[in-house]
Full PDB file with SEQRES, HELIX, SHEET, SSBOND, CRYST1, ORIGX, SCALE, CONECT and MASTER records, all heavy atoms in Angstrom:
SEQRES   1 A   32  VAL ARG LEU ASN ALA ASP VAL LEU TYR VAL ASP GLU GLY          
SEQRES   2 A   32  PRO ILE LEU THR SER ALA GLY LEU SER ALA GLY ILE ASP          
SEQRES   3 A   32  LEU CYS LEU TYR LEU VAL                                      
HELIX    1 AA1 SER A   22  LEU A   31  1                                  10    
SHEET    1 AA1 2 TYR A   9  GLU A  12  0                                        
SHEET    2 AA1 2 ILE A  15  SER A  18 -1                                        
CRYST1    1.000    1.000    1.000  90.00  90.00  90.00 P 1           1          
ORIGX1      1.000000  0.000000  0.000000        0.00000                         
ORIGX2      0.000000  1.000000  0.000000        0.00000                         
ORIGX3      0.000000  0.000000  1.000000        0.00000                         
SCALE1      1.000000  0.000000  0.000000        0.00000                         
SCALE2      0.000000  1.000000  0.000000        0.00000                         
SCALE3      0.000000  0.000000  1.000000        0.00000                         
ATOM      1  N   VAL A   1      37.507 146.693   6.337  1.00  0.00           N  
ATOM      2  CA  VAL A   1      36.278 147.288   6.895  1.00  0.00           C  
ATOM      3  C   VAL A   1      36.635 148.675   7.434  1.00  0.00           C  
ATOM      4  O   VAL A   1      37.650 148.817   8.131  1.00  0.00           O  
ATOM      5  CB  VAL A   1      35.699 146.441   8.058  1.00  0.00           C  
ATOM      6  CG1 VAL A   1      34.419 147.094   8.535  1.00  0.00           C  
ATOM      7  CG2 VAL A   1      35.394 145.039   7.535  1.00  0.00           C  
ATOM      8  N   ARG A   2      35.819 149.636   7.106  1.00  0.00           N  
ATOM      9  CA  ARG A   2      35.979 151.014   7.614  1.00  0.00           C  
ATOM     10  C   ARG A   2      35.324 151.147   8.981  1.00  0.00           C  
ATOM     11  O   ARG A   2      34.238 151.608   9.138  1.00  0.00           O  
ATOM     12  CB  ARG A   2      35.458 152.013   6.626  1.00  0.00           C  
ATOM     13  CG  ARG A   2      36.229 152.043   5.320  1.00  0.00           C  
ATOM     14  CD  ARG A   2      35.743 153.116   4.362  1.00  0.00           C  
ATOM     15  NE  ARG A   2      34.358 152.864   3.792  1.00  0.00           N  
ATOM     16  CZ  ARG A   2      33.295 153.399   3.996  1.00  0.00           C  
ATOM     17  NH1 ARG A   2      33.273 154.495   4.873  1.00  0.00           N  
ATOM     18  NH2 ARG A   2      32.133 153.106   3.468  1.00  0.00           N  
ATOM     19  N   LEU A   3      36.101 150.664  10.035  1.00  0.00           N  
ATOM     20  CA  LEU A   3      35.477 150.602  11.347  1.00  0.00           C  
ATOM     21  C   LEU A   3      35.410 151.955  12.009  1.00  0.00           C  
ATOM     22  O   LEU A   3      36.342 152.739  12.034  1.00  0.00           O  
ATOM     23  CB  LEU A   3      36.252 149.686  12.220  1.00  0.00           C  
ATOM     24  CG  LEU A   3      35.657 149.453  13.628  1.00  0.00           C  
ATOM     25  CD1 LEU A   3      34.394 148.514  13.490  1.00  0.00           C  
ATOM     26  CD2 LEU A   3      36.658 148.749  14.505  1.00  0.00           C  
ATOM     27  N   ASN A   4      34.309 152.332  12.569  1.00  0.00           N  
ATOM     28  CA  ASN A   4      34.113 153.499  13.422  1.00  0.00           C  
ATOM     29  C   ASN A   4      33.599 153.104  14.755  1.00  0.00           C  
ATOM     30  O   ASN A   4      32.417 152.852  14.890  1.00  0.00           O  
ATOM     31  CB  ASN A   4      33.150 154.525  12.731  1.00  0.00           C  
ATOM     32  CG  ASN A   4      33.056 155.777  13.522  1.00  0.00           C  
ATOM     33  OD1 ASN A   4      33.592 155.917  14.624  1.00  0.00           O  
ATOM     34  ND2 ASN A   4      32.375 156.766  12.950  1.00  0.00           N  
ATOM     35  N   ALA A   5      34.491 152.955  15.746  1.00  0.00           N  
ATOM     36  CA  ALA A   5      34.127 152.429  17.030  1.00  0.00           C  
ATOM     37  C   ALA A   5      33.668 153.562  18.002  1.00  0.00           C  
ATOM     38  O   ALA A   5      33.538 153.362  19.144  1.00  0.00           O  
ATOM     39  CB  ALA A   5      35.302 151.734  17.698  1.00  0.00           C  
ATOM     40  N   ASP A   6      33.362 154.728  17.406  1.00  0.00           N  
ATOM     41  CA  ASP A   6      32.910 155.858  18.208  1.00  0.00           C  
ATOM     42  C   ASP A   6      31.382 156.140  18.187  1.00  0.00           C  
ATOM     43  O   ASP A   6      30.988 157.128  18.700  1.00  0.00           O  
ATOM     44  CB  ASP A   6      33.686 157.116  17.841  1.00  0.00           C  
ATOM     45  CG  ASP A   6      35.129 157.077  18.085  1.00  0.00           C  
ATOM     46  OD1 ASP A   6      35.544 156.364  19.103  1.00  0.00           O  
ATOM     47  OD2 ASP A   6      35.936 157.626  17.316  1.00  0.00           O  
ATOM     48  N   VAL A   7      30.669 155.331  17.439  1.00  0.00           N  
ATOM     49  CA  VAL A   7      29.291 155.529  17.232  1.00  0.00           C  
ATOM     50  C   VAL A   7      28.443 154.377  17.754  1.00  0.00           C  
ATOM     51  O   VAL A   7      28.984 153.306  18.033  1.00  0.00           O  
ATOM     52  CB  VAL A   7      28.943 155.786  15.737  1.00  0.00           C  
ATOM     53  CG1 VAL A   7      29.655 157.006  15.222  1.00  0.00           C  
ATOM     54  CG2 VAL A   7      29.330 154.560  14.824  1.00  0.00           C  
ATOM     55  N   LEU A   8      27.134 154.643  17.847  1.00  0.00           N  
ATOM     56  CA  LEU A   8      26.176 153.632  18.385  1.00  0.00           C  
ATOM     57  C   LEU A   8      25.879 152.541  17.352  1.00  0.00           C  
ATOM     58  O   LEU A   8      25.828 151.390  17.676  1.00  0.00           O  
ATOM     59  CB  LEU A   8      24.943 154.289  18.916  1.00  0.00           C  
ATOM     60  CG  LEU A   8      25.118 155.129  20.156  1.00  0.00           C  
ATOM     61  CD1 LEU A   8      23.797 155.787  20.532  1.00  0.00           C  
ATOM     62  CD2 LEU A   8      25.697 154.417  21.335  1.00  0.00           C  
ATOM     63  N   TYR A   9      25.532 153.053  16.146  1.00  0.00           N  
ATOM     64  CA  TYR A   9      25.196 152.052  15.086  1.00  0.00           C  
ATOM     65  C   TYR A   9      25.426 152.797  13.711  1.00  0.00           C  
ATOM     66  O   TYR A   9      25.447 153.942  13.606  1.00  0.00           O  
ATOM     67  CB  TYR A   9      23.763 151.557  15.222  1.00  0.00           C  
ATOM     68  CG  TYR A   9      22.672 152.598  15.277  1.00  0.00           C  
ATOM     69  CD1 TYR A   9      22.080 153.036  14.028  1.00  0.00           C  
ATOM     70  CD2 TYR A   9      22.196 153.075  16.419  1.00  0.00           C  
ATOM     71  CE1 TYR A   9      21.030 153.998  14.102  1.00  0.00           C  
ATOM     72  CE2 TYR A   9      21.148 154.054  16.501  1.00  0.00           C  
ATOM     73  CZ  TYR A   9      20.685 154.431  15.329  1.00  0.00           C  
ATOM     74  OH  TYR A   9      19.551 155.378  15.336  1.00  0.00           O  
ATOM     75  N   VAL A  10      25.568 151.904  12.695  1.00  0.00           N  
ATOM     76  CA  VAL A  10      25.887 152.327  11.344  1.00  0.00           C  
ATOM     77  C   VAL A  10      24.923 151.607  10.406  1.00  0.00           C  
ATOM     78  O   VAL A  10      24.699 150.456  10.480  1.00  0.00           O  
ATOM     79  CB  VAL A  10      27.322 151.964  10.935  1.00  0.00           C  
ATOM     80  CG1 VAL A  10      27.543 152.327   9.499  1.00  0.00           C  
ATOM     81  CG2 VAL A  10      28.318 152.683  11.839  1.00  0.00           C  
ATOM     82  N   ASP A  11      24.255 152.459   9.571  1.00  0.00           N  
ATOM     83  CA  ASP A  11      23.404 151.946   8.524  1.00  0.00           C  
ATOM     84  C   ASP A  11      24.102 152.032   7.221  1.00  0.00           C  
ATOM     85  O   ASP A  11      24.291 153.135   6.660  1.00  0.00           O  
ATOM     86  CB  ASP A  11      22.028 152.773   8.579  1.00  0.00           C  
ATOM     87  CG  ASP A  11      21.043 152.305   7.506  1.00  0.00           C  
ATOM     88  OD1 ASP A  11      21.401 151.457   6.678  1.00  0.00           O  
ATOM     89  OD2 ASP A  11      19.918 152.810   7.548  1.00  0.00           O  
ATOM     90  N   GLU A  12      24.442 150.869   6.621  1.00  0.00           N  
ATOM     91  CA  GLU A  12      25.083 150.786   5.304  1.00  0.00           C  
ATOM     92  C   GLU A  12      24.077 150.116   4.404  1.00  0.00           C  
ATOM     93  O   GLU A  12      24.416 149.034   3.838  1.00  0.00           O  
ATOM     94  CB  GLU A  12      26.398 150.107   5.431  1.00  0.00           C  
ATOM     95  CG  GLU A  12      27.514 150.978   5.899  1.00  0.00           C  
ATOM     96  CD  GLU A  12      28.086 151.845   4.775  1.00  0.00           C  
ATOM     97  OE1 GLU A  12      28.871 151.353   3.932  1.00  0.00           O  
ATOM     98  OE2 GLU A  12      27.816 153.075   4.799  1.00  0.00           O  
ATOM     99  N   GLY A  13      22.929 150.634   4.173  1.00  0.00           N  
ATOM    100  CA  GLY A  13      21.969 150.008   3.268  1.00  0.00           C  
ATOM    101  C   GLY A  13      21.393 148.729   3.902  1.00  0.00           C  
ATOM    102  O   GLY A  13      20.799 148.788   4.885  1.00  0.00           O  
ATOM    103  N   PRO A  14      21.658 147.636   3.170  1.00  0.00           N  
ATOM    104  CA  PRO A  14      21.095 146.400   3.690  1.00  0.00           C  
ATOM    105  C   PRO A  14      21.873 145.735   4.869  1.00  0.00           C  
ATOM    106  O   PRO A  14      21.487 144.810   5.473  1.00  0.00           O  
ATOM    107  CB  PRO A  14      21.178 145.478   2.478  1.00  0.00           C  
ATOM    108  CG  PRO A  14      22.294 145.964   1.707  1.00  0.00           C  
ATOM    109  CD  PRO A  14      22.321 147.418   1.903  1.00  0.00           C  
ATOM    110  N   ILE A  15      23.033 146.359   5.168  1.00  0.00           N  
ATOM    111  CA  ILE A  15      23.910 145.795   6.263  1.00  0.00           C  
ATOM    112  C   ILE A  15      23.993 146.889   7.332  1.00  0.00           C  
ATOM    113  O   ILE A  15      24.415 147.970   7.071  1.00  0.00           O  
ATOM    114  CB  ILE A  15      25.332 145.460   5.712  1.00  0.00           C  
ATOM    115  CG1 ILE A  15      25.219 144.590   4.440  1.00  0.00           C  
ATOM    116  CG2 ILE A  15      26.095 144.792   6.811  1.00  0.00           C  
ATOM    117  CD1 ILE A  15      24.681 143.201   4.683  1.00  0.00           C  
ATOM    118  N   LEU A  16      23.660 146.496   8.554  1.00  0.00           N  
ATOM    119  CA  LEU A  16      23.747 147.460   9.663  1.00  0.00           C  
ATOM    120  C   LEU A  16      24.478 146.752  10.887  1.00  0.00           C  
ATOM    121  O   LEU A  16      24.460 145.584  11.042  1.00  0.00           O  
ATOM    122  CB  LEU A  16      22.323 147.790  10.197  1.00  0.00           C  
ATOM    123  CG  LEU A  16      21.435 148.479   9.128  1.00  0.00           C  
ATOM    124  CD1 LEU A  16      20.565 147.347   8.486  1.00  0.00           C  
ATOM    125  CD2 LEU A  16      20.481 149.520   9.754  1.00  0.00           C  
ATOM    126  N   THR A  17      25.216 147.610  11.557  1.00  0.00           N  
ATOM    127  CA  THR A  17      25.986 147.093  12.715  1.00  0.00           C  
ATOM    128  C   THR A  17      25.791 148.069  13.914  1.00  0.00           C  
ATOM    129  O   THR A  17      25.537 149.236  13.690  1.00  0.00           O  
ATOM    130  CB  THR A  17      27.512 147.051  12.404  1.00  0.00           C  
ATOM    131  OG1 THR A  17      27.927 148.340  11.905  1.00  0.00           O  
ATOM    132  CG2 THR A  17      27.824 146.000  11.351  1.00  0.00           C  
ATOM    133  N   SER A  18      25.862 147.532  15.101  1.00  0.00           N  
ATOM    134  CA  SER A  18      25.788 148.391  16.289  1.00  0.00           C  
ATOM    135  C   SER A  18      26.894 148.141  17.231  1.00  0.00           C  
ATOM    136  O   SER A  18      27.564 147.063  17.179  1.00  0.00           O  
ATOM    137  CB  SER A  18      24.421 148.105  16.986  1.00  0.00           C  
ATOM    138  OG  SER A  18      24.473 146.928  17.833  1.00  0.00           O  
ATOM    139  N   ALA A  19      27.071 149.019  18.185  1.00  0.00           N  
ATOM    140  CA  ALA A  19      27.990 148.816  19.311  1.00  0.00           C  
ATOM    141  C   ALA A  19      27.385 147.861  20.279  1.00  0.00           C  
ATOM    142  O   ALA A  19      26.401 147.116  20.008  1.00  0.00           O  
ATOM    143  CB  ALA A  19      28.372 150.165  19.896  1.00  0.00           C  
ATOM    144  N   GLY A  20      27.987 147.799  21.487  1.00  0.00           N  
ATOM    145  CA  GLY A  20      27.551 146.787  22.486  1.00  0.00           C  
ATOM    146  C   GLY A  20      26.271 147.054  23.214  1.00  0.00           C  
ATOM    147  O   GLY A  20      25.882 148.256  23.360  1.00  0.00           O  
ATOM    148  N   LEU A  21      25.611 146.042  23.714  1.00  0.00           N  
ATOM    149  CA  LEU A  21      24.563 146.010  24.612  1.00  0.00           C  
ATOM    150  C   LEU A  21      23.492 147.064  24.325  1.00  0.00           C  
ATOM    151  O   LEU A  21      22.680 146.870  23.401  1.00  0.00           O  
ATOM    152  CB  LEU A  21      25.156 146.190  26.012  1.00  0.00           C  
ATOM    153  CG  LEU A  21      26.184 145.098  26.477  1.00  0.00           C  
ATOM    154  CD1 LEU A  21      26.741 145.331  27.826  1.00  0.00           C  
ATOM    155  CD2 LEU A  21      25.479 143.736  26.465  1.00  0.00           C  
ATOM    156  N   SER A  22      23.415 148.170  25.067  1.00  0.00           N  
ATOM    157  CA  SER A  22      22.292 149.088  24.906  1.00  0.00           C  
ATOM    158  C   SER A  22      22.222 149.656  23.497  1.00  0.00           C  
ATOM    159  O   SER A  22      21.149 150.031  23.034  1.00  0.00           O  
ATOM    160  CB  SER A  22      22.367 150.214  25.955  1.00  0.00           C  
ATOM    161  OG  SER A  22      23.541 151.029  25.785  1.00  0.00           O  
ATOM    162  N   ALA A  23      23.352 149.754  22.800  1.00  0.00           N  
ATOM    163  CA  ALA A  23      23.332 150.190  21.380  1.00  0.00           C  
ATOM    164  C   ALA A  23      22.611 149.322  20.512  1.00  0.00           C  
ATOM    165  O   ALA A  23      22.039 149.747  19.518  1.00  0.00           O  
ATOM    166  CB  ALA A  23      24.817 150.495  20.869  1.00  0.00           C  
ATOM    167  N   GLY A  24      22.511 148.048  20.932  1.00  0.00           N  
ATOM    168  CA  GLY A  24      21.726 147.066  20.137  1.00  0.00           C  
ATOM    169  C   GLY A  24      20.258 147.422  20.219  1.00  0.00           C  
ATOM    170  O   GLY A  24      19.468 147.208  19.290  1.00  0.00           O  
ATOM    171  N   ILE A  25      19.828 147.929  21.389  1.00  0.00           N  
ATOM    172  CA  ILE A  25      18.404 148.401  21.582  1.00  0.00           C  
ATOM    173  C   ILE A  25      18.181 149.526  20.590  1.00  0.00           C  
ATOM    174  O   ILE A  25      17.161 149.574  19.872  1.00  0.00           O  
ATOM    175  CB  ILE A  25      18.090 148.825  23.005  1.00  0.00           C  
ATOM    176  CG1 ILE A  25      18.375 147.619  24.001  1.00  0.00           C  
ATOM    177  CG2 ILE A  25      16.756 149.362  23.111  1.00  0.00           C  
ATOM    178  CD1 ILE A  25      18.232 148.079  25.414  1.00  0.00           C  
ATOM    179  N   ASP A  26      19.078 150.497  20.503  1.00  0.00           N  
ATOM    180  CA  ASP A  26      18.931 151.589  19.590  1.00  0.00           C  
ATOM    181  C   ASP A  26      18.798 151.176  18.165  1.00  0.00           C  
ATOM    182  O   ASP A  26      17.970 151.667  17.456  1.00  0.00           O  
ATOM    183  CB  ASP A  26      20.105 152.562  19.765  1.00  0.00           C  
ATOM    184  CG  ASP A  26      20.215 153.137  21.173  1.00  0.00           C  
ATOM    185  OD1 ASP A  26      19.195 153.696  21.686  1.00  0.00           O  
ATOM    186  OD2 ASP A  26      21.342 153.154  21.732  1.00  0.00           O  
ATOM    187  N   LEU A  27      19.641 150.199  17.815  1.00  0.00           N  
ATOM    188  CA  LEU A  27      19.586 149.685  16.435  1.00  0.00           C  
ATOM    189  C   LEU A  27      18.264 149.048  16.115  1.00  0.00           C  
ATOM    190  O   LEU A  27      17.641 149.225  15.111  1.00  0.00           O  
ATOM    191  CB  LEU A  27      20.801 148.786  16.151  1.00  0.00           C  
ATOM    192  CG  LEU A  27      20.764 148.107  14.744  1.00  0.00           C  
ATOM    193  CD1 LEU A  27      20.847 149.140  13.671  1.00  0.00           C  
ATOM    194  CD2 LEU A  27      21.898 147.070  14.635  1.00  0.00           C  
ATOM    195  N   CYS A  28      17.828 148.160  17.022  1.00  0.00           N  
ATOM    196  CA  CYS A  28      16.542 147.406  16.797  1.00  0.00           C  
ATOM    197  C   CYS A  28      15.390 148.407  16.705  1.00  0.00           C  
ATOM    198  O   CYS A  28      14.487 148.266  15.862  1.00  0.00           O  
ATOM    199  CB  CYS A  28      16.400 146.364  17.798  1.00  0.00           C  
ATOM    200  SG  CYS A  28      17.463 144.957  17.681  1.00  0.00           S  
ATOM    201  N   LEU A  29      15.365 149.373  17.532  1.00  0.00           N  
ATOM    202  CA  LEU A  29      14.293 150.413  17.468  1.00  0.00           C  
ATOM    203  C   LEU A  29      14.371 151.226  16.196  1.00  0.00           C  
ATOM    204  O   LEU A  29      13.410 151.600  15.551  1.00  0.00           O  
ATOM    205  CB  LEU A  29      14.391 151.382  18.702  1.00  0.00           C  
ATOM    206  CG  LEU A  29      13.973 150.757  19.951  1.00  0.00           C  
ATOM    207  CD1 LEU A  29      14.163 151.715  21.126  1.00  0.00           C  
ATOM    208  CD2 LEU A  29      12.569 150.237  19.991  1.00  0.00           C  
ATOM    209  N   TYR A  30      15.574 151.459  15.737  1.00  0.00           N  
ATOM    210  CA  TYR A  30      15.843 152.091  14.443  1.00  0.00           C  
ATOM    211  C   TYR A  30      15.242 151.242  13.294  1.00  0.00           C  
ATOM    212  O   TYR A  30      14.628 151.865  12.391  1.00  0.00           O  
ATOM    213  CB  TYR A  30      17.314 152.336  14.198  1.00  0.00           C  
ATOM    214  CG  TYR A  30      17.706 152.929  12.925  1.00  0.00           C  
ATOM    215  CD1 TYR A  30      17.499 154.275  12.599  1.00  0.00           C  
ATOM    216  CD2 TYR A  30      18.295 152.081  11.950  1.00  0.00           C  
ATOM    217  CE1 TYR A  30      17.865 154.766  11.317  1.00  0.00           C  
ATOM    218  CE2 TYR A  30      18.701 152.580  10.673  1.00  0.00           C  
ATOM    219  CZ  TYR A  30      18.438 153.969  10.401  1.00  0.00           C  
ATOM    220  OH  TYR A  30      18.837 154.440   9.182  1.00  0.00           O  
ATOM    221  N   LEU A  31      15.415 149.961  13.361  1.00  0.00           N  
ATOM    222  CA  LEU A  31      14.839 149.125  12.334  1.00  0.00           C  
ATOM    223  C   LEU A  31      13.308 149.158  12.341  1.00  0.00           C  
ATOM    224  O   LEU A  31      12.642 149.182  11.306  1.00  0.00           O  
ATOM    225  CB  LEU A  31      15.296 147.675  12.535  1.00  0.00           C  
ATOM    226  CG  LEU A  31      16.843 147.418  12.331  1.00  0.00           C  
ATOM    227  CD1 LEU A  31      17.176 145.959  12.580  1.00  0.00           C  
ATOM    228  CD2 LEU A  31      17.240 147.824  11.001  1.00  0.00           C  
ATOM    229  N   VAL A  32      12.775 149.145  13.582  1.00  0.00           N  
ATOM    230  CA  VAL A  32      11.344 149.214  13.703  1.00  0.00           C  
ATOM    231  C   VAL A  32      10.837 150.626  13.097  1.00  0.00           C  
ATOM    232  O   VAL A  32       9.824 150.661  12.420  1.00  0.00           O  
ATOM    233  CB  VAL A  32      10.833 149.133  15.126  1.00  0.00           C  
ATOM    234  CG1 VAL A  32       9.377 149.454  15.305  1.00  0.00           C  
ATOM    235  CG2 VAL A  32      11.148 147.683  15.653  1.00  0.00           C  
TER     236      VAL A  32                                                      
MASTER        0    0    0    1    2    0    0    6  235    1    0    3          
END                                                                             
């Protein structure tokens, strides 16, 4: 995995990942 632990979230097409806690809010709002 090409991990980048310096960002809030990563959009890789159908697969998305976020950092901890409040970054999860950012990711969910991004999906909306």
